[in-house]
C-alpha cells in the first residue's frame, strides 16, 4: 500500500511541476516579455486605427478633360481650400487629405479621398469619398472607429471640384 501511495504522490508532484512550468512558459512568451508594454500595444492600436482605409461609396462623376490636367486641378483645388494633403500619387490616381480632427473629449476626424481613373485621353472619372471616424479622448485616447461614408459632405466636395474643373477648363 505504501508503494502505491508513493507512486501516486510522485505522479501528482510531476503533474503539478508540469502545470506550473507550462504557466511560467506562457507568461514568459507574452508580448510584454517580447518588448511591448501594455501602453505600447495601446499606442500601436490607436495609430493603426488612424490609418487610411478605403470605404465603398462616394460620389462619382465624369470630367471631359485629360487625366493629368484633371489631377492637377483637383490637387490644387484641395490645397486652396486649406486641406493638408496626406498623400498624392499621380501614378495611382489618388489624393488623400490628412485627417481633420474636431472636438474636445469626443472627437470626429474627417478625411477626403479622391480617386481619378483615366477613361480615355479626353475623359476622366473622378470619385470623391469623405469619411468620418470618431473616438473618445478622456484620460486615455481611444482608437478611432471604423470609417463611415459621409454622403452629404462627399456631394458637397464633389460639387466644389466639379466647379473648379469647369472654371479652369473654360478659362483656358
Protein backbone atom coordinates (compact mmCIF):
# COMPACT_ATOMS: atom_id res chain seq x y z
CA UNK A 1 0.00 0.00 0.00
CA UNK A 2 2.87 2.37 0.80
CA UNK A 3 4.32 1.64 -2.61
CA UNK A 4 1.09 2.62 -4.37
CA UNK A 5 0.81 5.79 -2.32
CA UNK A 6 4.37 6.87 -3.12
CA UNK A 7 3.78 6.23 -6.86
CA UNK A 8 0.57 8.30 -6.70
CA UNK A 9 2.43 11.04 -4.85
CA UNK A 10 5.25 11.04 -7.42
CA UNK A 11 2.76 11.26 -10.32
CA UNK A 12 0.86 14.09 -8.60
CA UNK A 13 4.06 16.02 -7.92
CA UNK A 14 5.17 15.54 -11.54
CA UNK A 15 1.78 16.84 -12.82
CA UNK A 16 1.96 19.91 -10.58
CA UNK A 17 5.51 20.68 -11.76
CA UNK A 18 4.39 20.23 -15.38
CA UNK A 19 1.40 22.59 -14.98
CA UNK A 20 3.45 25.24 -13.15
CA UNK A 21 6.23 25.12 -15.74
CA UNK A 22 3.64 25.45 -18.55
CA UNK A 23 2.15 28.54 -16.89
CA UNK A 24 5.61 30.07 -16.44
CA UNK A 25 6.43 29.39 -20.11
CA UNK A 26 3.22 31.05 -21.28
CA UNK A 27 3.87 34.10 -19.10
CA UNK A 28 7.40 34.43 -20.41
CA UNK A 29 6.26 34.31 -24.04
CA UNK A 30 3.60 37.04 -23.82
CA UNK A 31 4.12 40.23 -25.87
CA UNK A 32 5.10 42.17 -22.75
CA UNK A 33 8.08 39.89 -22.38
CA UNK A 34 8.92 40.39 -26.06
CA UNK A 35 9.45 44.13 -25.66
CA UNK A 36 5.97 45.66 -25.82
CA UNK A 37 4.32 47.01 -22.75
CA UNK A 38 0.58 47.43 -22.43
CA UNK A 39 0.98 51.15 -23.18
CA UNK A 40 2.98 50.44 -26.34
CA UNK A 41 0.38 47.95 -27.58
CA UNK A 42 -2.39 50.52 -26.91
CA UNK A 43 -0.50 53.25 -28.76
CA UNK A 44 0.01 50.87 -31.68
CA UNK A 45 -3.77 50.14 -31.78
CA UNK A 46 -4.54 53.88 -31.76
CA UNK A 47 -2.03 54.54 -34.55
CA UNK A 48 -3.36 51.61 -36.59
CA UNK A 49 -6.94 52.84 -36.25
CA UNK A 50 -5.95 56.19 -37.78
CA UNK A 51 -4.55 54.54 -40.92
CA UNK A 52 -6.22 55.21 -44.27
CA UNK A 53 -8.82 52.62 -45.24
CA UNK A 54 -10.97 52.53 -48.33
CA UNK A 55 -14.71 52.76 -47.86
CA UNK A 56 -17.18 51.80 -50.60
CA UNK A 57 -19.41 54.52 -51.97
CA UNK A 58 -18.85 58.18 -52.55
CA UNK A 59 -19.80 60.47 -55.40
CA UNK A 60 -18.57 59.66 -58.90
CA UNK A 61 -18.69 61.96 -61.93
CA UNK A 62 -17.15 62.20 -65.39
CA UNK A 63 -14.87 65.07 -66.36
CA UNK A 64 -14.37 65.86 -70.06
CA UNK A 65 -10.67 66.50 -69.70
CA UNK A 66 -7.34 64.68 -69.79
CA UNK A 67 -6.23 62.77 -66.71
CA UNK A 68 -3.10 64.84 -65.92
CA UNK A 69 -4.92 68.17 -66.09
CA UNK A 70 -7.87 66.86 -64.03
CA UNK A 71 -5.47 65.51 -61.39
CA UNK A 72 -3.51 68.78 -61.15
CA UNK A 73 -6.65 70.95 -60.94
CA UNK A 74 -8.17 68.69 -58.26
CA UNK A 75 -4.98 68.67 -56.18
CA UNK A 76 -4.60 72.46 -56.41
CA UNK A 77 -8.27 72.99 -55.53
CA UNK A 78 -7.93 70.92 -52.34
CA UNK A 79 -4.78 72.83 -51.37
CA UNK A 80 -6.50 76.20 -52.00
CA UNK A 81 -9.39 75.13 -49.80
CA UNK A 82 -6.95 74.66 -46.92
CA UNK A 83 -6.79 70.87 -46.82
CA UNK A 84 -3.49 69.29 -45.83
CA UNK A 85 -2.54 66.62 -48.35
CA UNK A 86 -1.51 63.38 -46.64
CA UNK A 87 -0.64 61.55 -49.84
CA UNK A 88 -0.94 62.29 -53.53
CA UNK A 89 0.17 59.85 -56.20
CA UNK A 90 -0.48 60.65 -59.85
CA UNK A 91 0.56 57.14 -60.96
CA UNK A 92 -2.08 55.57 -58.72
CA UNK A 93 -4.55 58.39 -59.37
CA UNK A 94 -5.32 59.05 -55.72
CA UNK A 95 -5.30 62.13 -53.48
CA UNK A 96 -5.88 61.73 -49.75
CA UNK A 97 -6.09 64.58 -47.26
CA UNK A 98 -4.85 64.39 -43.69
CA UNK A 99 -7.48 63.74 -41.07
CA UNK A 100 -9.12 66.98 -39.92
CA UNK A 101 -9.88 66.47 -36.21
CA UNK A 102 -12.57 68.48 -34.46
CA UNK A 103 -13.89 68.28 -30.91
CA UNK A 104 -12.51 68.03 -27.42
CA UNK A 105 -13.30 64.88 -25.50
CA UNK A 106 -15.49 63.41 -28.22
CA UNK A 107 -13.57 63.82 -31.46
CA UNK A 108 -14.56 63.46 -35.11
CA UNK A 109 -11.92 63.01 -37.79
CA UNK A 110 -12.78 63.80 -41.41
CA UNK A 111 -10.71 62.73 -44.40
CA UNK A 112 -11.21 63.23 -48.16
CA UNK A 113 -10.19 60.56 -50.65
CA UNK A 114 -10.26 61.46 -54.36
CA UNK A 115 -9.66 58.71 -56.90
CA UNK A 116 -9.15 59.55 -60.56
CA UNK A 117 -9.48 56.98 -63.36
CA UNK A 118 -8.31 57.65 -66.89
CA UNK A 119 -11.13 56.52 -69.19
CA UNK A 120 -9.55 57.87 -72.39
CA UNK A 121 -7.25 60.69 -73.48
CA UNK A 122 -10.13 63.17 -73.11
CA UNK A 123 -12.26 61.61 -70.35
CA UNK A 124 -11.54 61.09 -66.63
CA UNK A 125 -13.74 59.57 -63.92
CA UNK A 126 -13.47 61.24 -60.51
CA UNK A 127 -14.64 59.56 -57.29
CA UNK A 128 -14.89 61.69 -54.13
CA UNK A 129 -15.33 60.00 -50.76
CA UNK A 130 -15.49 61.93 -47.50
CA UNK A 131 -15.15 59.62 -44.49
CA UNK A 132 -15.59 60.27 -40.80
CA UNK A 133 -14.21 58.45 -37.79
CA UNK A 134 -15.00 59.02 -34.13
CA UNK A 135 -13.15 58.47 -30.86
CA UNK A 136 -13.18 59.47 -27.21
CA UNK A 137 -10.20 61.26 -25.73
CA UNK A 138 -10.62 61.16 -21.99
CA UNK A 139 -7.86 60.01 -19.64
CA UNK A 140 -6.55 57.83 -22.47
CA UNK A 141 -7.00 58.26 -26.19
CA UNK A 142 -9.30 55.57 -27.56
CA UNK A 143 -8.73 54.06 -31.02
CA UNK A 144 -10.64 55.58 -33.96
CA UNK A 145 -13.85 53.89 -35.04
CA UNK A 146 -14.15 52.33 -38.49
CA UNK A 147 -14.50 54.98 -41.20
CA UNK A 148 -18.04 55.77 -42.32
CA UNK A 149 -19.03 57.47 -45.56
CA UNK A 150 -20.50 60.97 -45.24
CA UNK A 151 -22.63 61.21 -48.40
CA UNK A 152 -23.65 64.84 -47.80
CA UNK A 153 -20.05 66.05 -47.47
CA UNK A 154 -18.97 63.84 -50.39
CA UNK A 155 -21.60 65.51 -52.60
CA UNK A 156 -20.54 68.98 -51.43
CA UNK A 157 -16.82 68.39 -52.09
CA UNK A 158 -17.56 66.70 -55.44
CA UNK A 159 -19.61 69.76 -56.45
CA UNK A 160 -16.74 72.08 -55.50
CA UNK A 161 -14.26 70.01 -57.50
CA UNK A 162 -16.63 69.90 -60.49
CA UNK A 163 -16.96 73.69 -60.37
CA UNK A 164 -13.18 74.13 -60.14
CA UNK A 165 -12.67 71.78 -63.10
CA UNK A 166 -15.31 73.56 -65.16
CA UNK A 167 -13.99 77.04 -64.32
CA UNK A 168 -10.38 76.13 -65.05
CA UNK A 169 -11.19 74.31 -68.30
CA UNK A 170 -13.38 77.11 -69.66
CA UNK A 171 -10.79 79.69 -68.59
CA UNK A 172 -8.14 78.20 -70.95
